[in-house]
Amino acid sequence: MARRLEDARILMYSHDTFGLGHLRRCRAIAHALVEDYRGLNILIISGATIAGAFDYRARVDFVKIPSVIKLRNGEYTSLASHIDLHETLKMRESSIRHTAETFQPDIFIVDKEPMGLKGEVEDTLAYLKARGTVLVLGLREIMDAPHLLDAEWKRNGIMQKIDQYYDSVWVYGPPDFYDPLIGLDVPASLRRKMDFVGFLQRSVSKGKTSINARKDNYLLVTTGGGGDGSDLVHDVMNAYEADPTLTQKALVVLGPYMPAAERAKLVQKGEAIPYIEVIEFDNHMEELIDGATGVVAMGGYNTYCEILSFDKPALIVPRVKPRQEQLLRAKRASELGLVDMLLPEQSVDPTIMAEALKRLPSRLPPSKSGSNMHLEGLDHISQTVGRWIDGRASHLALVGAE
């Protein structure tokens, strides 16, 4: 039963330079919150080029800011090639500040980048802090290899700024899976603000049916956004070409950010393999994962939450650069017996990949690994938000009575 909150507002920020992970995480949180609280309105600020390709529940909307893309070497560039990066960042910064001033949120949740892309959110954080908005930083359970994250944050004085601005830091995983700030010098005052909420459980949206939904036994091969996913798809297709005994049907989702030339190559390659169907994108991935016999993926945060939520046998081939986040997650999940893992140099060998694919349908699901998976992140967040807004309403009532 949804509780009524009187006109509470939450603003979320998702920088979205590469892939769909940040936006999909924000959307999952937003949808869970509006389902629990009827008077709540949520606005998501997103830089994702395809933010509008997803559907949003009533009382969840998004504001699109100019897109910046992250190149494979970790550098950024404007999506609109005729506008330089500096101008694009100025436009983004002023759009974020203007949205906050107009929307006047009770809570502001920032996804992953503490000060936003190139510091674009700091001005808005200062403004909202001064007017008493609750400021929350949401971190993936794994950010990056400690030495890489430490160097990146030290360059920009990030640790001190998180402590200065934020009231709470939500870690989207359980404390016994991984600590995102492991190996960093974290002030005790910041440690006290950290709340390990658990993984964000996913569900199939009611009444929405994917046009790609199937009833047969299939492996789902997904590369997330797909910007750097072509290697994995090539490896899977090479395994099918090399091993005639590999006859398990597979549905391959390339992802909306896969470069056009790569996409064309893989569509053509897939057409020659009778067991493989290739599609470009589906905005109801939860349904496709739910229907699959097993999942082959690179193991970004959202796909991993879906593998656990729908309890699917999974083979993970993680990306290993520019960030090591997927590698660290796959290693930890593999240690706990939740998934099978191949490193990219193993995956590229068609014999090894074919054997791994043949084993996958009979692999035990994650729930049989003996690990407690703590899929209560959305419930935990909902309770926390309810407490804060109730507390704020009581405070305002007291002030009004004085």
Protein backbone atom coordinates (compact mmCIF):
# COMPACT_ATOMS: atom_id res chain seq x y z
CA MET A 1 0.00 0.00 0.00
CA ALA A 2 1.54 3.33 -1.08
CA ARG A 3 1.80 5.96 1.65
CA ARG A 4 0.82 9.54 0.92
CA LEU A 5 3.54 12.18 1.17
CA GLU A 6 2.45 15.74 0.63
CA ASP A 7 4.30 17.19 -2.35
CA ALA A 8 7.77 15.87 -1.54
CA ARG A 9 10.35 16.32 -4.28
CA ILE A 10 13.51 14.44 -5.13
CA LEU A 11 16.02 15.58 -7.74
CA MET A 12 18.50 13.02 -9.10
CA TYR A 13 21.65 13.62 -11.17
CA SER A 14 23.14 11.07 -13.54
CA HIS A 15 26.12 12.26 -15.60
CA ASP A 16 25.87 9.47 -18.22
CA THR A 17 28.88 9.75 -20.49
CA PHE A 18 29.30 6.13 -21.48
CA GLY A 19 26.66 3.43 -21.32
CA LEU A 20 23.31 3.31 -19.56
CA GLY A 21 24.29 2.20 -16.06
CA HIS A 22 23.78 5.46 -14.20
CA LEU A 23 20.43 6.34 -15.75
CA ARG A 24 19.06 2.80 -15.31
CA ARG A 25 20.10 2.81 -11.65
CA CYS A 26 18.46 6.21 -11.03
CA ARG A 27 15.31 5.10 -12.82
CA ALA A 28 15.05 1.89 -10.75
CA ILE A 29 15.32 3.92 -7.52
CA ALA A 30 12.84 6.55 -8.73
CA HIS A 31 10.25 3.97 -9.77
CA ALA A 32 10.49 2.12 -6.45
CA LEU A 33 10.05 5.39 -4.51
CA VAL A 34 6.98 6.67 -6.39
CA GLU A 35 5.39 3.25 -5.99
CA ASP A 36 5.85 3.49 -2.22
CA TYR A 37 4.91 7.17 -1.78
CA ARG A 38 2.00 8.68 -3.63
CA GLY A 39 2.75 12.38 -3.01
CA LEU A 40 6.33 12.14 -4.27
CA ASN A 41 7.62 13.73 -7.49
CA ILE A 42 11.04 12.82 -8.90
CA LEU A 43 13.03 14.56 -11.60
CA ILE A 44 16.17 12.93 -13.07
CA ILE A 45 18.82 15.12 -14.71
CA SER A 46 20.54 12.96 -17.32
CA GLY A 47 23.21 13.35 -19.97
CA ALA A 48 22.23 10.06 -21.68
CA THR A 49 21.59 10.51 -25.39
CA ILE A 50 18.74 8.02 -25.22
CA ALA A 51 17.17 9.06 -21.90
CA GLY A 52 13.87 9.40 -23.77
CA ALA A 53 13.94 5.81 -25.08
CA PHE A 54 12.84 4.47 -21.69
CA ASP A 55 9.36 4.79 -20.25
CA TYR A 56 8.90 6.50 -16.89
CA ARG A 57 6.17 5.99 -14.33
CA ALA A 58 3.78 8.77 -13.43
CA ARG A 59 5.51 11.38 -11.21
CA VAL A 60 8.96 10.47 -12.57
CA ASP A 61 10.35 12.66 -15.34
CA PHE A 62 13.74 13.59 -16.72
CA VAL A 63 15.57 16.70 -17.86
CA LYS A 64 18.06 16.07 -20.64
CA ILE A 65 21.33 18.04 -20.50
CA PRO A 66 23.76 18.25 -23.47
CA SER A 67 25.58 14.94 -23.94
CA VAL A 68 29.27 14.41 -23.36
CA ILE A 69 30.84 11.11 -24.33
CA LYS A 70 33.72 9.29 -22.72
CA LEU A 71 36.29 7.95 -25.14
CA ARG A 72 37.99 4.60 -24.64
CA ASN A 73 41.10 6.33 -23.27
CA GLY A 74 39.00 7.88 -20.48
CA GLU A 75 38.97 11.41 -21.97
CA TYR A 76 35.73 13.28 -22.69
CA THR A 77 34.39 15.06 -25.77
CA SER A 78 31.14 16.82 -26.69
CA LEU A 79 28.64 14.71 -28.57
CA ALA A 80 27.83 17.73 -30.75
CA SER A 81 31.13 17.96 -32.61
CA HIS A 82 30.68 21.65 -33.48
CA ILE A 83 30.54 22.71 -29.80
CA ASP A 84 33.68 22.49 -27.70
CA LEU A 85 33.76 20.59 -24.42
CA HIS A 86 34.18 23.72 -22.31
CA GLU A 87 31.00 25.30 -23.73
CA THR A 88 29.05 22.06 -23.35
CA LEU A 89 30.11 21.78 -19.70
CA LYS A 90 29.08 25.41 -19.06
CA MET A 91 25.63 24.69 -20.53
CA ARG A 92 25.28 21.53 -18.44
CA GLU A 93 26.33 23.30 -15.25
CA SER A 94 23.83 26.15 -15.70
CA SER A 95 21.01 23.72 -16.65
CA ILE A 96 21.64 21.68 -13.48
CA ARG A 97 21.65 24.80 -11.27
CA HIS A 98 18.55 26.26 -12.97
CA THR A 99 16.66 22.95 -12.61
CA ALA A 100 17.50 22.81 -8.88
CA GLU A 101 16.40 26.43 -8.34
CA THR A 102 13.11 25.86 -10.12
CA PHE A 103 12.31 22.40 -8.76
CA GLN A 104 13.35 23.15 -5.14
CA PRO A 105 13.93 19.51 -4.08
CA ASP A 106 13.73 18.14 -0.52
CA ILE A 107 16.41 15.57 -1.40
CA PHE A 108 19.13 15.66 -4.08
CA ILE A 109 20.71 12.31 -5.03
CA VAL A 110 23.93 12.37 -7.08
CA ASP A 111 24.95 9.15 -8.85
CA LYS A 112 28.62 8.12 -8.64
CA GLU A 113 30.44 11.36 -9.57
CA PRO A 114 30.59 13.27 -6.25
CA MET A 115 31.03 16.73 -7.83
CA GLY A 116 29.51 15.74 -11.17
CA LEU A 117 31.34 15.54 -14.48
CA LYS A 118 34.36 17.89 -14.30
CA GLY A 119 32.90 19.48 -11.13
CA GLU A 120 29.65 20.60 -12.80
CA VAL A 121 27.45 19.87 -9.76
CA GLU A 122 29.49 21.60 -7.05
CA ASP A 123 27.79 24.98 -7.48
CA THR A 124 24.34 23.32 -7.21
CA LEU A 125 25.40 21.34 -4.13
CA ALA A 126 26.50 24.56 -2.40
CA TYR A 127 23.20 26.27 -3.31
CA LEU A 128 21.02 23.35 -2.11
CA LYS A 129 23.04 22.83 1.07
CA ALA A 130 22.45 26.46 2.01
CA ARG A 131 18.70 26.00 1.66
CA GLY A 132 18.60 22.78 3.72
CA THR A 133 18.14 20.13 1.03
CA VAL A 134 19.26 16.64 2.11
CA LEU A 135 22.26 15.80 -0.11
CA VAL A 136 22.97 12.15 -0.93
CA LEU A 137 25.84 10.60 -2.88
CA GLY A 138 25.05 7.17 -4.34
CA LEU A 139 28.08 4.96 -5.03
CA ARG A 140 28.27 1.62 -6.83
CA GLU A 141 29.50 -1.12 -4.53
CA ILE A 142 32.72 -1.11 -6.60
CA MET A 143 34.05 2.13 -8.05
CA ASP A 144 37.46 1.23 -9.48
CA ALA A 145 40.84 -0.22 -8.49
CA PRO A 146 41.85 1.67 -5.30
CA HIS A 147 45.05 3.18 -6.76
CA LEU A 148 43.14 4.57 -9.77
CA LEU A 149 40.26 5.99 -7.71
CA ASP A 150 42.67 7.43 -5.12
CA ALA A 151 44.69 9.28 -7.78
CA GLU A 152 41.55 10.61 -9.48
CA TRP A 153 39.99 11.86 -6.23
CA LYS A 154 43.23 13.33 -4.81
CA ARG A 155 43.70 15.43 -7.96
CA ASN A 156 40.37 17.14 -7.29
CA GLY A 157 40.22 17.06 -3.47
CA ILE A 158 37.09 14.90 -3.73
CA MET A 159 37.21 13.17 -0.34
CA GLN A 160 37.12 16.47 1.56
CA LYS A 161 34.34 17.80 -0.67
CA ILE A 162 32.16 14.72 -0.12
CA ASP A 163 32.54 15.22 3.62
CA GLN A 164 31.83 18.95 3.31
CA TYR A 165 28.66 18.75 1.20
CA TYR A 166 26.94 15.39 1.62
CA ASP A 167 24.65 14.34 4.48
CA SER A 168 24.67 10.67 3.50
CA VAL A 169 26.57 8.29 1.20
CA TRP A 170 24.58 5.31 -0.03
CA VAL A 171 26.60 2.31 -1.18
CA TYR A 172 24.52 0.19 -3.57
CA GLY A 173 25.67 -3.15 -2.18
CA PRO A 174 25.96 -5.08 1.11
CA PRO A 175 28.99 -4.46 3.37
CA ASP A 176 30.24 -8.04 3.04
CA PHE A 177 30.45 -7.93 -0.78
CA TYR A 178 32.85 -5.04 -1.32
CA ASP A 179 33.80 -1.64 0.10
CA PRO A 180 33.97 0.97 -2.70
CA LEU A 181 36.49 3.08 -0.75
CA ILE A 182 38.81 0.20 0.22
CA GLY A 183 42.47 1.24 0.22
CA LEU A 184 41.63 4.97 0.43
CA ASP A 185 42.23 7.25 3.39
CA VAL A 186 38.62 7.91 4.44
CA PRO A 187 37.98 10.41 7.27
CA ALA A 188 36.00 8.95 10.21
CA SER A 189 33.36 11.66 9.75
CA LEU A 190 32.74 10.40 6.19
CA ARG A 191 32.73 6.73 7.25
CA ARG A 192 29.88 7.57 9.65
CA LYS A 193 27.83 8.90 6.73
CA MET A 194 28.16 5.67 4.70
CA ASP A 195 25.10 3.44 4.52
CA PHE A 196 25.50 0.08 2.73
CA VAL A 197 21.94 -0.24 1.43
CA GLY A 198 22.32 -3.56 -0.44
CA PHE A 199 21.98 -4.42 -4.14
CA LEU A 200 19.11 -2.78 -6.00
CA GLN A 201 16.65 -5.57 -6.80
CA ARG A 202 14.89 -5.50 -10.18
CA SER A 203 11.49 -6.69 -11.33
CA VAL A 204 9.61 -7.03 -14.61
CA SER A 205 7.38 -4.02 -15.20
CA LYS A 206 3.68 -4.86 -15.10
CA GLY A 207 1.77 -4.74 -18.35
CA LYS A 208 4.81 -3.89 -20.50
CA THR A 209 5.80 -6.67 -22.82
CA SER A 210 9.02 -6.60 -24.76
CA ILE A 211 8.55 -7.10 -28.49
CA ASN A 212 11.56 -9.45 -28.26
CA ALA A 213 10.13 -11.65 -25.48
CA ARG A 214 10.51 -15.37 -26.24
CA LYS A 215 9.16 -18.59 -24.80
CA ASP A 216 12.00 -20.94 -25.83
CA ASN A 217 15.23 -21.80 -24.02
CA TYR A 218 17.81 -19.17 -24.90
CA LEU A 219 21.01 -17.69 -23.56
CA LEU A 220 20.89 -13.91 -23.36
CA VAL A 221 24.12 -12.22 -24.46
CA THR A 222 24.11 -8.57 -23.34
CA THR A 223 26.79 -5.89 -23.49
CA GLY A 224 24.87 -3.22 -21.54
CA GLY A 225 25.14 0.07 -23.43
CA GLY A 226 27.34 -1.68 -25.98
CA GLY A 227 29.91 1.08 -26.45
CA ASP A 228 32.72 -1.37 -25.77
CA GLY A 229 30.85 -4.65 -26.08
CA SER A 230 31.73 -5.83 -29.58
CA ASP A 231 34.65 -8.04 -28.43
CA LEU A 232 32.36 -10.13 -26.23
CA VAL A 233 29.82 -10.64 -29.05
CA HIS A 234 32.58 -11.59 -31.51
CA ASP A 235 33.92 -14.12 -28.97
CA VAL A 236 30.49 -15.73 -28.57
CA MET A 237 29.91 -15.89 -32.33
CA ASN A 238 33.42 -17.31 -32.93
CA ALA A 239 32.66 -20.06 -30.42
CA TYR A 240 29.49 -21.00 -32.32
CA GLU A 241 31.39 -21.01 -35.62
CA ALA A 242 34.18 -23.18 -34.20
CA ASP A 243 32.06 -25.78 -32.37
CA PRO A 244 29.25 -27.54 -34.28
CA THR A 245 28.06 -29.20 -31.04
CA LEU A 246 27.14 -25.77 -29.62
CA THR A 247 23.46 -25.68 -30.56
CA GLN A 248 22.00 -23.70 -27.64
CA LYS A 249 19.89 -20.81 -28.97
CA ALA A 250 21.17 -17.34 -28.09
CA LEU A 251 19.62 -13.87 -28.20
CA VAL A 252 22.31 -11.20 -28.59
CA VAL A 253 21.51 -7.60 -27.58
CA LEU A 254 24.18 -5.29 -29.01
CA GLY A 255 23.30 -2.13 -27.02
CA PRO A 256 22.40 1.35 -28.29
CA TYR A 257 25.91 2.80 -28.01
CA MET A 258 27.70 0.20 -30.12
CA PRO A 259 29.44 2.01 -33.03
CA ALA A 260 27.49 1.60 -36.31
CA ALA A 261 30.33 -0.15 -38.19
CA GLU A 262 30.75 -2.75 -35.40
CA ARG A 263 27.00 -3.25 -35.21
CA ALA A 264 26.69 -3.86 -38.97
CA LYS A 265 29.56 -6.35 -38.85
CA LEU A 266 28.00 -8.32 -35.99
CA VAL A 267 24.50 -8.34 -37.48
CA GLN A 268 25.96 -9.80 -40.67
CA LYS A 269 28.07 -12.33 -38.79
CA GLY A 270 25.08 -13.38 -36.66
CA GLU A 271 22.89 -13.95 -39.72
CA ALA A 272 25.19 -16.80 -40.80
CA ILE A 273 24.78 -18.66 -37.46
CA PRO A 274 21.42 -20.48 -37.26
CA TYR A 275 21.24 -20.56 -33.45
CA ILE A 276 21.79 -16.83 -32.94
CA GLU A 277 19.32 -13.95 -33.15
CA VAL A 278 20.77 -10.42 -32.98
CA ILE A 279 18.83 -7.34 -31.86
CA GLU A 280 20.14 -3.82 -31.32
CA PHE A 281 18.36 -2.63 -28.17
CA ASP A 282 15.43 -3.38 -25.87
CA ASN A 283 14.25 -0.98 -23.19
CA HIS A 284 12.72 -3.89 -21.24
CA MET A 285 15.93 -5.82 -20.57
CA GLU A 286 14.51 -7.13 -17.28
CA GLU A 287 12.00 -9.19 -19.25
CA LEU A 288 14.67 -10.69 -21.51
CA ILE A 289 16.87 -11.63 -18.53
CA ASP A 290 13.88 -13.07 -16.67
CA GLY A 291 13.04 -15.31 -19.64
CA ALA A 292 16.60 -16.52 -20.29
CA THR A 293 18.10 -19.91 -19.38
CA GLY A 294 21.42 -18.19 -18.66
CA VAL A 295 23.10 -14.82 -19.17
CA VAL A 296 26.42 -13.94 -20.82
CA ALA A 297 27.50 -10.39 -19.96
CA MET A 298 30.33 -8.01 -19.18
CA GLY A 299 29.03 -7.60 -15.64
CA GLY A 300 28.25 -3.93 -15.21
CA TYR A 301 26.32 -3.04 -12.05
CA ASN A 302 22.78 -3.16 -13.45
CA THR A 303 23.19 -6.43 -15.34
CA TYR A 304 24.67 -7.96 -12.20
CA CYS A 305 21.67 -6.83 -10.10
CA GLU A 306 19.36 -8.35 -12.72
CA ILE A 307 21.27 -11.67 -12.73
CA LEU A 308 20.82 -11.85 -8.94
CA SER A 309 17.22 -10.58 -8.94
CA PHE A 310 16.05 -13.14 -11.50
CA ASP A 311 18.44 -15.80 -10.16
CA LYS A 312 20.08 -16.69 -13.48
CA PRO A 313 23.19 -18.79 -14.17
CA ALA A 314 25.70 -16.31 -15.60
CA LEU A 315 29.01 -16.17 -17.45
CA ILE A 316 30.81 -12.85 -16.98
CA VAL A 317 33.58 -11.57 -19.26
CA PRO A 318 34.50 -8.25 -17.61
CA ARG A 319 35.88 -5.12 -19.20
CA VAL A 320 39.36 -4.52 -17.74
CA LYS A 321 40.06 -0.90 -18.83
CA PRO A 322 39.90 2.10 -18.48
CA ARG A 323 38.21 1.14 -15.16
CA GLN A 324 38.70 -2.16 -13.33
CA GLU A 325 35.27 -2.08 -11.69
CA GLN A 326 33.80 -4.94 -13.78
CA LEU A 327 36.89 -7.10 -13.24
CA LEU A 328 36.78 -6.61 -9.46
CA ARG A 329 33.03 -7.35 -9.33
CA ALA A 330 33.38 -10.48 -11.47
CA LYS A 331 36.30 -11.78 -9.37
CA ARG A 332 34.42 -11.23 -6.12
CA ALA A 333 31.17 -12.76 -7.43
CA SER A 334 33.10 -15.71 -8.85
CA GLU A 335 34.88 -16.24 -5.46
CA LEU A 336 31.45 -16.38 -3.82
CA GLY A 337 30.26 -18.94 -6.40
CA LEU A 338 27.57 -16.59 -7.76
CA VAL A 339 28.81 -16.51 -11.39
CA ASP A 340 31.33 -18.08 -13.77
CA MET A 341 34.03 -15.78 -15.10
CA LEU A 342 36.34 -15.72 -18.10
CA LEU A 343 39.02 -13.08 -18.55
CA PRO A 344 39.02 -11.40 -22.00
CA GLU A 345 42.17 -13.34 -22.98
CA GLN A 346 40.31 -16.64 -22.22
CA SER A 347 37.08 -15.54 -23.85
CA VAL A 348 38.86 -14.85 -27.12
CA ASP A 349 39.75 -18.57 -27.42
CA PRO A 350 36.74 -20.19 -29.22
CA THR A 351 37.29 -23.59 -27.55
CA ILE A 352 37.27 -22.13 -24.02
CA MET A 353 34.26 -19.92 -24.78
CA ALA A 354 32.30 -22.79 -26.40
CA GLU A 355 32.87 -25.03 -23.35
CA ALA A 356 31.78 -22.25 -20.99
CA LEU A 357 28.61 -21.60 -23.05
CA LYS A 358 27.73 -25.33 -23.10
CA ARG A 359 28.12 -25.56 -19.29
CA LEU A 360 26.03 -22.48 -18.58
CA PRO A 361 22.43 -23.82 -18.89
CA SER A 362 23.09 -26.54 -16.29
CA ARG A 363 24.97 -24.26 -13.88
CA LEU A 364 23.29 -23.77 -10.49
CA PRO A 365 21.66 -20.35 -10.10
CA PRO A 366 23.23 -17.77 -7.73
CA SER A 367 20.73 -18.54 -4.94
CA LYS A 368 22.24 -22.05 -4.63
CA SER A 369 25.77 -20.72 -4.04
CA GLY A 370 25.29 -20.50 -0.29
CA SER A 371 25.95 -16.74 -0.33
CA ASN A 372 23.36 -14.37 1.07
CA MET A 373 22.78 -11.89 -1.72
CA HIS A 374 21.12 -9.01 0.16
CA LEU A 375 18.75 -7.75 -2.51
CA GLU A 376 17.03 -5.19 -0.35
CA GLY A 377 18.56 -1.93 -1.57
CA LEU A 378 15.34 -0.38 -2.89
CA ASP A 379 13.40 -1.26 0.30
CA HIS A 380 16.17 0.19 2.46
CA ILE A 381 16.28 3.42 0.41
CA SER A 382 12.49 3.74 0.56
CA GLN A 383 12.45 3.44 4.36
CA THR A 384 15.26 6.00 4.68
CA VAL A 385 13.54 8.51 2.37
CA GLY A 386 10.24 8.05 4.24
CA ARG A 387 11.97 8.77 7.57
CA TRP A 388 13.66 11.91 6.23
CA ILE A 389 10.52 13.35 4.69
CA ASP A 390 8.44 12.53 7.77
CA GLY A 391 11.12 14.22 9.89
CA ARG A 392 11.11 17.27 7.63
CA ALA A 393 7.28 17.48 7.75
CA SER A 394 7.33 17.28 11.59
CA HIS A 395 10.03 19.96 11.72
CA LEU A 396 8.01 22.29 9.44
CA ALA A 397 4.87 21.67 11.52
CA LEU A 398 6.79 22.63 14.69
CA VAL A 399 8.16 25.75 13.04
CA GLY A 400 4.68 26.67 11.81
CA ALA A 401 3.23 26.26 15.33
CA GLU A 402 5.76 28.56 16.95
